[in-house]
Amino acid sequence: MKKRLKYLLAVFTVLMFSVVIVPAFVLCTIYPNKYAAEIGEAADEFGLSRSLVKSVVWAESRFDPHATSHKGAKGLMQLMPETFDMCANALGLRGSNIYDVNTSLRCGCYYLSILIEKFDGNVTAALMAYNAGETNAKRFLDGEKIFPETKKYLSDIDRAQKVYGFFQFGIRD
């Protein structure tokens, strides 16, 4: 009886490890929770969902504060230098470093909040504008075909937001 109990316990432990621990580890590797405090602060400042901001950071830079795109977007939130300068000036951050985590997050959240307001609360439209520009987002909304890159971007953010939302566990979003 003791051998059987030990065997069942061993089987249960292996099952738990493979069913719960390994997938959780993989999810946390793919969707890290870096800069959680900084993201929370910036999201709260501009009335944005924390899981949305984490998802944008994940989709834009994979949490690399020194990321630079082939088109010239920079930092965690991947802002174009002109957009960053506009946001930094509006927030009184003139002369700030685009690669600074807090500055990138504040400017990116500020800009995203402006886009959400411009598109009357339509977050999907704001995300299209964040990715492809306001003019293209308006054309997409008018029925033009969405760029494949933008379609993938929206899908990536949707998936990431589901993961980040799931792992909030009662933490204010």
N, C-alpha and C. Protein backbone atom coordinates (compact mmCIF):
# COMPACT_ATOMS: atom_id res chain seq x y z
N MET A 1 0.82 -1.19 0.00
CA MET A 1 0.00 0.00 0.00
C MET A 1 0.87 1.27 0.00
N LYS A 2 1.95 1.26 0.80
CA LYS A 2 2.83 2.41 0.85
C LYS A 2 3.52 2.63 -0.49
N LYS A 3 3.94 1.53 -1.16
CA LYS A 3 4.59 1.64 -2.46
C LYS A 3 3.63 2.25 -3.48
N ARG A 4 2.41 1.79 -3.43
CA ARG A 4 1.41 2.29 -4.38
C ARG A 4 1.15 3.78 -4.14
N LEU A 5 1.06 4.19 -2.89
CA LEU A 5 0.84 5.59 -2.54
C LEU A 5 2.03 6.45 -3.01
N LYS A 6 3.24 5.97 -2.79
CA LYS A 6 4.42 6.69 -3.25
C LYS A 6 4.42 6.80 -4.78
N TYR A 7 4.04 5.71 -5.44
CA TYR A 7 3.97 5.70 -6.89
C TYR A 7 2.95 6.72 -7.39
N LEU A 8 1.77 6.71 -6.80
CA LEU A 8 0.72 7.67 -7.20
C LEU A 8 1.15 9.10 -6.93
N LEU A 9 1.81 9.32 -5.83
CA LEU A 9 2.31 10.66 -5.51
C LEU A 9 3.35 11.09 -6.54
N ALA A 10 4.23 10.18 -6.92
CA ALA A 10 5.25 10.49 -7.94
C ALA A 10 4.59 10.82 -9.27
N VAL A 11 3.60 10.02 -9.66
CA VAL A 11 2.88 10.26 -10.92
C VAL A 11 2.16 11.60 -10.87
N PHE A 12 1.51 11.88 -9.75
CA PHE A 12 0.81 13.16 -9.58
C PHE A 12 1.79 14.33 -9.69
N THR A 13 2.93 14.20 -9.07
CA THR A 13 3.94 15.27 -9.11
C THR A 13 4.42 15.51 -10.53
N VAL A 14 4.70 14.44 -11.26
CA VAL A 14 5.15 14.57 -12.65
C VAL A 14 4.05 15.21 -13.50
N LEU A 15 2.82 14.78 -13.31
CA LEU A 15 1.70 15.36 -14.05
C LEU A 15 1.54 16.85 -13.76
N MET A 16 1.59 17.20 -12.49
CA MET A 16 1.45 18.61 -12.12
C MET A 16 2.57 19.43 -12.74
N PHE A 17 3.77 18.89 -12.70
CA PHE A 17 4.91 19.59 -13.27
C PHE A 17 4.71 19.82 -14.77
N SER A 18 4.30 18.78 -15.47
CA SER A 18 4.16 18.89 -16.92
C SER A 18 2.90 19.62 -17.37
N VAL A 19 1.86 19.59 -16.56
CA VAL A 19 0.60 20.23 -16.95
C VAL A 19 0.52 21.68 -16.49
N VAL A 20 1.12 22.00 -15.35
CA VAL A 20 1.00 23.34 -14.80
C VAL A 20 2.30 24.13 -14.87
N ILE A 21 3.35 23.59 -14.32
CA ILE A 21 4.60 24.33 -14.16
C ILE A 21 5.25 24.64 -15.51
N VAL A 22 5.41 23.66 -16.36
CA VAL A 22 6.09 23.88 -17.63
C VAL A 22 5.33 24.89 -18.50
N PRO A 23 4.02 24.73 -18.71
CA PRO A 23 3.31 25.74 -19.51
C PRO A 23 3.36 27.14 -18.89
N ALA A 24 3.27 27.23 -17.58
CA ALA A 24 3.36 28.54 -16.92
C ALA A 24 4.73 29.17 -17.16
N PHE A 25 5.77 28.35 -17.06
CA PHE A 25 7.13 28.84 -17.31
C PHE A 25 7.27 29.33 -18.75
N VAL A 26 6.74 28.55 -19.68
CA VAL A 26 6.82 28.93 -21.10
C VAL A 26 6.06 30.23 -21.34
N LEU A 27 4.85 30.35 -20.79
CA LEU A 27 4.08 31.59 -20.94
C LEU A 27 4.82 32.79 -20.38
N CYS A 28 5.44 32.61 -19.21
CA CYS A 28 6.17 33.72 -18.57
C CYS A 28 7.42 34.07 -19.36
N THR A 29 7.98 33.11 -20.07
CA THR A 29 9.13 33.38 -20.91
C THR A 29 8.72 34.16 -22.16
N ILE A 30 7.60 33.77 -22.74
CA ILE A 30 7.11 34.44 -23.95
C ILE A 30 6.53 35.81 -23.61
N TYR A 31 5.79 35.89 -22.52
CA TYR A 31 5.13 37.14 -22.10
C TYR A 31 5.68 37.57 -20.74
N PRO A 32 6.86 38.18 -20.72
CA PRO A 32 7.45 38.56 -19.43
C PRO A 32 6.68 39.68 -18.76
N ASN A 33 6.97 39.89 -17.50
CA ASN A 33 6.29 40.93 -16.73
C ASN A 33 7.29 42.01 -16.30
N LYS A 34 8.19 42.36 -17.21
CA LYS A 34 9.19 43.38 -16.92
C LYS A 34 8.53 44.74 -16.77
N TYR A 35 9.16 45.58 -15.97
CA TYR A 35 8.73 46.97 -15.81
C TYR A 35 7.28 47.11 -15.36
N ALA A 36 6.80 46.15 -14.58
CA ALA A 36 5.40 46.15 -14.16
C ALA A 36 5.03 47.43 -13.40
N ALA A 37 5.89 47.86 -12.48
CA ALA A 37 5.59 49.07 -11.69
C ALA A 37 5.56 50.31 -12.59
N GLU A 38 6.54 50.41 -13.46
CA GLU A 38 6.62 51.57 -14.36
C GLU A 38 5.44 51.59 -15.34
N ILE A 39 5.08 50.42 -15.85
CA ILE A 39 3.93 50.33 -16.76
C ILE A 39 2.66 50.70 -16.02
N GLY A 40 2.51 50.19 -14.82
CA GLY A 40 1.32 50.52 -14.02
C GLY A 40 1.19 52.00 -13.77
N GLU A 41 2.30 52.65 -13.44
CA GLU A 41 2.28 54.09 -13.19
C GLU A 41 1.88 54.88 -14.43
N ALA A 42 2.50 54.56 -15.56
CA ALA A 42 2.21 55.29 -16.81
C ALA A 42 0.78 55.01 -17.28
N ALA A 43 0.36 53.76 -17.19
CA ALA A 43 -1.01 53.41 -17.61
C ALA A 43 -2.03 54.15 -16.75
N ASP A 44 -1.81 54.15 -15.45
CA ASP A 44 -2.73 54.83 -14.54
C ASP A 44 -2.77 56.33 -14.80
N GLU A 45 -1.61 56.92 -15.06
CA GLU A 45 -1.53 58.37 -15.30
C GLU A 45 -2.42 58.79 -16.47
N PHE A 46 -2.50 57.94 -17.48
CA PHE A 46 -3.26 58.30 -18.68
C PHE A 46 -4.55 57.51 -18.86
N GLY A 47 -4.98 56.83 -17.78
CA GLY A 47 -6.27 56.15 -17.79
C GLY A 47 -6.33 54.96 -18.73
N LEU A 48 -5.22 54.27 -18.89
CA LEU A 48 -5.18 53.11 -19.78
C LEU A 48 -5.14 51.81 -18.99
N SER A 49 -5.60 50.76 -19.59
CA SER A 49 -5.53 49.43 -19.00
C SER A 49 -4.07 49.00 -18.93
N ARG A 50 -3.68 48.48 -17.79
CA ARG A 50 -2.29 48.00 -17.64
C ARG A 50 -2.00 46.85 -18.59
N SER A 51 -2.95 45.96 -18.76
CA SER A 51 -2.71 44.83 -19.68
C SER A 51 -2.59 45.32 -21.12
N LEU A 52 -3.31 46.37 -21.48
CA LEU A 52 -3.18 46.94 -22.82
C LEU A 52 -1.78 47.50 -23.01
N VAL A 53 -1.30 48.27 -22.05
CA VAL A 53 0.03 48.88 -22.18
C VAL A 53 1.11 47.79 -22.22
N LYS A 54 1.00 46.79 -21.35
CA LYS A 54 1.97 45.68 -21.39
C LYS A 54 1.95 45.02 -22.76
N SER A 55 0.77 44.86 -23.32
CA SER A 55 0.63 44.20 -24.62
C SER A 55 1.25 45.04 -25.73
N VAL A 56 1.08 46.35 -25.66
CA VAL A 56 1.69 47.23 -26.66
C VAL A 56 3.21 47.17 -26.54
N VAL A 57 3.72 47.23 -25.32
CA VAL A 57 5.17 47.13 -25.12
C VAL A 57 5.68 45.79 -25.65
N TRP A 58 4.95 44.72 -25.36
CA TRP A 58 5.36 43.39 -25.84
C TRP A 58 5.38 43.37 -27.37
N ALA A 59 4.32 43.86 -27.99
CA ALA A 59 4.23 43.83 -29.45
C ALA A 59 5.24 44.76 -30.11
N GLU A 60 5.51 45.87 -29.49
CA GLU A 60 6.40 46.86 -30.08
C GLU A 60 7.87 46.54 -29.91
N SER A 61 8.29 46.18 -28.71
CA SER A 61 9.72 46.07 -28.43
C SER A 61 10.13 44.80 -27.71
N ARG A 62 9.17 43.96 -27.34
CA ARG A 62 9.45 42.76 -26.54
C ARG A 62 10.20 43.14 -25.26
N PHE A 63 9.86 44.33 -24.72
CA PHE A 63 10.41 44.83 -23.46
C PHE A 63 11.89 45.22 -23.56
N ASP A 64 12.37 45.49 -24.75
CA ASP A 64 13.75 45.95 -24.93
C ASP A 64 13.75 47.48 -24.98
N PRO A 65 14.23 48.15 -23.93
CA PRO A 65 14.19 49.61 -23.91
C PRO A 65 15.08 50.26 -24.96
N HIS A 66 16.02 49.50 -25.54
CA HIS A 66 16.93 50.04 -26.55
C HIS A 66 16.54 49.62 -27.97
N ALA A 67 15.35 49.09 -28.13
CA ALA A 67 14.90 48.63 -29.45
C ALA A 67 14.79 49.80 -30.41
N THR A 68 15.17 49.54 -31.66
CA THR A 68 15.01 50.50 -32.75
C THR A 68 14.51 49.73 -33.95
N SER A 69 13.41 50.17 -34.52
CA SER A 69 12.83 49.47 -35.68
C SER A 69 13.56 49.88 -36.96
N HIS A 70 13.31 49.12 -38.01
CA HIS A 70 13.90 49.44 -39.31
C HIS A 70 13.36 50.76 -39.87
N LYS A 71 12.22 51.22 -39.34
CA LYS A 71 11.64 52.50 -39.79
C LYS A 71 12.06 53.67 -38.90
N GLY A 72 12.79 53.36 -37.80
CA GLY A 72 13.30 54.43 -36.95
C GLY A 72 12.56 54.64 -35.65
N ALA A 73 11.53 53.84 -35.36
CA ALA A 73 10.83 53.94 -34.09
C ALA A 73 11.76 53.43 -32.99
N LYS A 74 11.68 54.06 -31.79
CA LYS A 74 12.66 53.76 -30.75
C LYS A 74 12.02 53.56 -29.39
N GLY A 75 12.74 52.81 -28.55
CA GLY A 75 12.36 52.65 -27.15
C GLY A 75 11.34 51.56 -26.92
N LEU A 76 10.94 51.42 -25.66
CA LEU A 76 9.96 50.40 -25.27
C LEU A 76 8.66 50.53 -26.06
N MET A 77 8.19 51.75 -26.23
CA MET A 77 6.90 51.98 -26.89
C MET A 77 7.05 52.23 -28.39
N GLN A 78 8.30 52.18 -28.90
CA GLN A 78 8.57 52.31 -30.33
C GLN A 78 7.91 53.54 -30.94
N LEU A 79 8.27 54.69 -30.42
CA LEU A 79 7.77 55.94 -30.97
C LEU A 79 8.74 56.48 -32.01
N MET A 80 8.20 57.07 -33.05
CA MET A 80 9.04 57.78 -34.02
C MET A 80 9.59 59.02 -33.31
N PRO A 81 10.80 59.45 -33.65
CA PRO A 81 11.40 60.58 -32.96
C PRO A 81 10.53 61.84 -32.94
N GLU A 82 9.83 62.13 -34.05
CA GLU A 82 8.97 63.33 -34.09
C GLU A 82 7.81 63.20 -33.11
N THR A 83 7.22 62.01 -33.06
CA THR A 83 6.10 61.76 -32.14
C THR A 83 6.60 61.83 -30.70
N PHE A 84 7.76 61.24 -30.44
CA PHE A 84 8.35 61.29 -29.10
C PHE A 84 8.59 62.74 -28.69
N ASP A 85 9.18 63.55 -29.58
CA ASP A 85 9.45 64.96 -29.24
C ASP A 85 8.17 65.71 -28.93
N MET A 86 7.10 65.47 -29.73
CA MET A 86 5.81 66.12 -29.49
C MET A 86 5.27 65.74 -28.12
N CYS A 87 5.33 64.47 -27.80
CA CYS A 87 4.81 63.99 -26.51
C CYS A 87 5.67 64.48 -25.35
N ALA A 88 6.98 64.40 -25.51
CA ALA A 88 7.89 64.84 -24.45
C ALA A 88 7.69 66.33 -24.17
N ASN A 89 7.54 67.14 -25.21
CA ASN A 89 7.30 68.57 -25.02
C ASN A 89 5.98 68.82 -24.31
N ALA A 90 4.94 68.10 -24.72
CA ALA A 90 3.62 68.27 -24.10
C ALA A 90 3.65 67.88 -22.62
N LEU A 91 4.50 66.92 -22.27
CA LEU A 91 4.59 66.46 -20.88
C LEU A 91 5.68 67.19 -20.08
N GLY A 92 6.32 68.18 -20.70
CA GLY A 92 7.38 68.92 -20.01
C GLY A 92 8.65 68.11 -19.84
N LEU A 93 8.90 67.21 -20.77
CA LEU A 93 10.08 66.34 -20.70
C LEU A 93 11.08 66.68 -21.81
N ARG A 94 11.11 67.91 -22.21
CA ARG A 94 11.99 68.35 -23.30
C ARG A 94 13.42 67.88 -23.03
N GLY A 95 14.08 67.38 -24.07
CA GLY A 95 15.47 66.93 -23.95
C GLY A 95 15.61 65.56 -23.32
N SER A 96 14.52 64.84 -23.16
CA SER A 96 14.56 63.51 -22.54
C SER A 96 15.11 62.47 -23.50
N ASN A 97 15.53 61.36 -22.92
CA ASN A 97 16.09 60.25 -23.67
C ASN A 97 14.97 59.29 -24.08
N ILE A 98 14.83 59.07 -25.36
CA ILE A 98 13.78 58.19 -25.89
C ILE A 98 13.93 56.74 -25.41
N TYR A 99 15.16 56.37 -25.03
CA TYR A 99 15.42 55.01 -24.57
C TYR A 99 15.22 54.83 -23.06
N ASP A 100 14.94 55.92 -22.35
CA ASP A 100 14.67 55.82 -20.92
C ASP A 100 13.31 55.14 -20.72
N VAL A 101 13.28 54.13 -19.87
CA VAL A 101 12.07 53.32 -19.67
C VAL A 101 10.88 54.19 -19.28
N ASN A 102 11.01 54.99 -18.23
CA ASN A 102 9.88 55.80 -17.75
C ASN A 102 9.43 56.83 -18.78
N THR A 103 10.38 57.45 -19.44
CA THR A 103 10.04 58.47 -20.44
C THR A 103 9.33 57.84 -21.63
N SER A 104 9.84 56.71 -22.11
CA SER A 104 9.21 56.03 -23.23
C SER A 104 7.79 55.61 -22.88
N LEU A 105 7.63 55.07 -21.67
CA LEU A 105 6.30 54.63 -21.26
C LEU A 105 5.34 55.81 -21.12
N ARG A 106 5.79 56.89 -20.48
CA ARG A 106 4.90 58.05 -20.31
C ARG A 106 4.51 58.64 -21.66
N CYS A 107 5.50 58.79 -22.55
CA CYS A 107 5.20 59.37 -23.86
C CYS A 107 4.32 58.43 -24.69
N GLY A 108 4.61 57.14 -24.66
CA GLY A 108 3.80 56.18 -25.41
C GLY A 108 2.38 56.11 -24.90
N CYS A 109 2.21 56.12 -23.58
CA CYS A 109 0.85 56.09 -23.00
C CYS A 109 0.11 57.38 -23.29
N TYR A 110 0.81 58.49 -23.22
CA TYR A 110 0.19 59.79 -23.54
C TYR A 110 -0.31 59.76 -24.98
N TYR A 111 0.55 59.32 -25.90
CA TYR A 111 0.19 59.27 -27.31
C TYR A 111 -0.96 58.31 -27.56
N LEU A 112 -0.91 57.13 -26.96
CA LEU A 112 -2.00 56.16 -27.12
C LEU A 112 -3.31 56.72 -26.58
N SER A 113 -3.26 57.43 -25.46
CA SER A 113 -4.49 58.02 -24.90
C SER A 113 -5.05 59.09 -25.83
N ILE A 114 -4.18 59.84 -26.48
CA ILE A 114 -4.63 60.85 -27.46
C ILE A 114 -5.32 60.16 -28.63
N LEU A 115 -4.72 59.08 -29.12
CA LEU A 115 -5.32 58.34 -30.25
C LEU A 115 -6.67 57.75 -29.87
N ILE A 116 -6.77 57.20 -28.67
CA ILE A 116 -8.05 56.64 -28.24
C ILE A 116 -9.12 57.73 -28.20
N GLU A 117 -8.74 58.90 -27.72
CA GLU A 117 -9.68 60.03 -27.68
C GLU A 117 -10.06 60.46 -29.10
N LYS A 118 -9.08 60.56 -30.00
CA LYS A 118 -9.33 60.97 -31.39
C LYS A 118 -10.28 60.00 -32.10
N PHE A 119 -10.19 58.73 -31.73
CA PHE A 119 -11.03 57.71 -32.37
C PHE A 119 -12.23 57.35 -31.48
N ASP A 120 -12.67 58.32 -30.69
CA ASP A 120 -13.89 58.21 -29.87
C ASP A 120 -13.94 56.95 -29.02
N GLY A 121 -12.82 56.60 -28.41
CA GLY A 121 -12.79 55.47 -27.50
C GLY A 121 -12.60 54.12 -28.18
N ASN A 122 -12.46 54.11 -29.48
CA ASN A 122 -12.25 52.86 -30.22
C ASN A 122 -10.78 52.45 -30.11
N VAL A 123 -10.50 51.55 -29.19
CA VAL A 123 -9.12 51.13 -28.91
C VAL A 123 -8.50 50.45 -30.13
N THR A 124 -9.26 49.65 -30.84
CA THR A 124 -8.72 48.97 -32.02
C THR A 124 -8.28 49.99 -33.06
N ALA A 125 -9.09 50.99 -33.30
CA ALA A 125 -8.74 52.05 -34.26
C ALA A 125 -7.50 52.80 -33.78
N ALA A 126 -7.42 53.07 -32.48
CA ALA A 126 -6.26 53.76 -31.93
C ALA A 126 -5.00 52.91 -32.11
N LEU A 127 -5.12 51.61 -31.91
CA LEU A 127 -3.97 50.72 -32.10
C LEU A 127 -3.56 50.66 -33.57
N MET A 128 -4.54 50.68 -34.48
CA MET A 128 -4.20 50.72 -35.90
C MET A 128 -3.43 52.00 -36.20
N ALA A 129 -3.87 53.12 -35.63
CA ALA A 129 -3.19 54.40 -35.83
C ALA A 129 -1.80 54.39 -35.21
N TYR A 130 -1.67 53.79 -34.04
CA TYR A 130 -0.38 53.70 -33.37
C TYR A 130 0.61 52.92 -34.24
N ASN A 131 0.13 51.89 -34.91
CA ASN A 131 0.98 51.04 -35.73
C ASN A 131 1.20 51.58 -37.14
N ALA A 132 0.14 52.05 -37.79
CA ALA A 132 0.22 52.40 -39.21
C ALA A 132 0.01 53.88 -39.50
N GLY A 133 -0.25 54.67 -38.48
CA GLY A 133 -0.50 56.09 -38.68
C GLY A 133 -1.99 56.39 -38.72
N GLU A 134 -2.33 57.60 -38.34
CA GLU A 134 -3.74 58.00 -38.26
C GLU A 134 -4.44 57.96 -39.62
N THR A 135 -3.77 58.42 -40.65
CA THR A 135 -4.38 58.45 -41.98
C THR A 135 -4.72 57.04 -42.44
N ASN A 136 -3.80 56.11 -42.26
CA ASN A 136 -4.07 54.73 -42.65
C ASN A 136 -5.18 54.12 -41.80
N ALA A 137 -5.20 54.41 -40.52
CA ALA A 137 -6.26 53.88 -39.64
C ALA A 137 -7.63 54.36 -40.13
N LYS A 138 -7.72 55.62 -40.51
CA LYS A 138 -9.00 56.15 -41.01
C LYS A 138 -9.39 55.44 -42.31
N ARG A 139 -8.40 55.17 -43.15
CA ARG A 139 -8.69 54.44 -44.40
C ARG A 139 -9.14 53.02 -44.11
N PHE A 140 -8.51 52.36 -43.12
CA PHE A 140 -8.93 51.01 -42.75
C PHE A 140 -10.37 51.02 -42.26
N LEU A 141 -10.70 52.03 -41.46
CA LEU A 141 -12.06 52.14 -40.93
C LEU A 141 -13.07 52.43 -42.03
N ASP A 142 -12.61 53.07 -43.11
CA ASP A 142 -13.49 53.35 -44.25
C ASP A 142 -13.60 52.18 -45.22
N GLY A 143 -12.99 51.05 -44.87
CA GLY A 143 -13.16 49.85 -45.68
C GLY A 143 -11.95 49.42 -46.47
N GLU A 144 -10.88 50.21 -46.47
CA GLU A 144 -9.68 49.76 -47.19
C GLU A 144 -9.06 48.58 -46.46
N LYS A 145 -8.38 47.76 -47.23
CA LYS A 145 -7.75 46.56 -46.67
C LYS A 145 -6.67 46.95 -45.67
N ILE A 146 -6.71 46.30 -44.52
CA ILE A 146 -5.72 46.55 -43.47
C ILE A 146 -4.40 45.91 -43.88
N PHE A 147 -3.30 46.65 -43.66
CA PHE A 147 -1.98 46.10 -43.97
C PHE A 147 -1.78 44.79 -43.22
N PRO A 148 -1.14 43.80 -43.85
CA PRO A 148 -0.86 42.53 -43.15
C PRO A 148 -0.10 42.75 -41.83
N GLU A 149 0.86 43.69 -41.84
CA GLU A 149 1.63 43.98 -40.62
C GLU A 149 0.72 44.50 -39.51
N THR A 150 -0.23 45.36 -39.87
CA THR A 150 -1.15 45.92 -38.88
C THR A 150 -2.12 44.86 -38.39
N LYS A 151 -2.57 44.00 -39.29
CA LYS A 151 -3.46 42.91 -38.89
C LYS A 151 -2.76 41.99 -37.88
N LYS A 152 -1.49 41.66 -38.15
CA LYS A 152 -0.71 40.83 -37.24
C LYS A 152 -0.49 41.56 -35.91
N TYR A 153 -0.22 42.84 -35.97
CA TYR A 153 -0.02 43.67 -34.78
C TYR A 153 -1.26 43.61 -33.88
N LEU A 154 -2.43 43.80 -34.47
CA LEU A 154 -3.68 43.75 -33.69
C LEU A 154 -3.89 42.36 -33.08
N SER A 155 -3.59 41.33 -33.85
CA SER A 155 -3.72 39.96 -33.36
C SER A 155 -2.74 39.69 -32.22
N ASP A 156 -1.50 40.16 -32.38
CA ASP A 156 -0.49 39.99 -31.33
C ASP A 156 -0.91 40.68 -30.03
N ILE A 157 -1.42 41.89 -30.16
CA ILE A 157 -1.86 42.63 -28.98
C ILE A 157 -3.05 41.96 -28.33
N ASP A 158 -3.98 41.49 -29.13
CA ASP A 158 -5.15 40.79 -28.58
C ASP A 158 -4.73 39.57 -27.78
N ARG A 159 -3.84 38.77 -28.36
CA ARG A 159 -3.36 37.56 -27.68
C ARG A 159 -2.60 37.92 -26.40
N ALA A 160 -1.70 38.89 -26.50
CA ALA A 160 -0.92 39.29 -25.31
C ALA A 160 -1.83 39.85 -24.23
N GLN A 161 -2.84 40.62 -24.63
CA GLN A 161 -3.74 41.20 -23.64
C GLN A 161 -4.53 40.12 -22.91
N LYS A 162 -4.90 39.06 -23.61
CA LYS A 162 -5.59 37.94 -22.95
C LYS A 162 -4.67 37.28 -21.92
N VAL A 163 -3.40 37.09 -22.30
CA VAL A 163 -2.45 36.47 -21.37
C VAL A 163 -2.22 37.39 -20.17
N TYR A 164 -1.91 38.66 -20.43
CA TYR A 164 -1.64 39.58 -19.32
C TYR A 164 -2.88 39.81 -18.46
N GLY A 165 -4.03 39.84 -19.09
CA GLY A 165 -5.27 39.98 -18.32
C GLY A 165 -5.54 38.78 -17.44
N PHE A 166 -5.24 37.59 -17.96
CA PHE A 166 -5.45 36.35 -17.20
C PHE A 166 -4.56 36.30 -15.96
N PHE A 167 -3.33 36.79 -16.10
CA PHE A 167 -2.38 36.70 -15.00
C PHE A 167 -2.45 37.88 -14.03
N GLN A 168 -3.46 38.72 -14.18
CA GLN A 168 -3.60 39.84 -13.24
C GLN A 168 -4.00 39.36 -11.84
N PHE A 169 -4.80 38.31 -11.76
CA PHE A 169 -5.21 37.72 -10.48
C PHE A 169 -5.71 38.78 -9.49
N GLY A 170 -6.65 39.56 -9.93
CA GLY A 170 -7.27 40.52 -9.00
C GLY A 170 -6.50 41.81 -8.85
N ILE A 171 -5.33 41.93 -9.48
CA ILE A 171 -4.59 43.17 -9.41
C ILE A 171 -5.30 44.17 -10.31
N ARG A 172 -5.42 45.39 -9.84
CA ARG A 172 -6.14 46.41 -10.61
C ARG A 172 -5.54 46.53 -12.02
N ASP A 173 -6.43 46.51 -13.00
CA ASP A 173 -5.97 46.65 -14.39
C ASP A 173 -6.27 48.02 -14.85
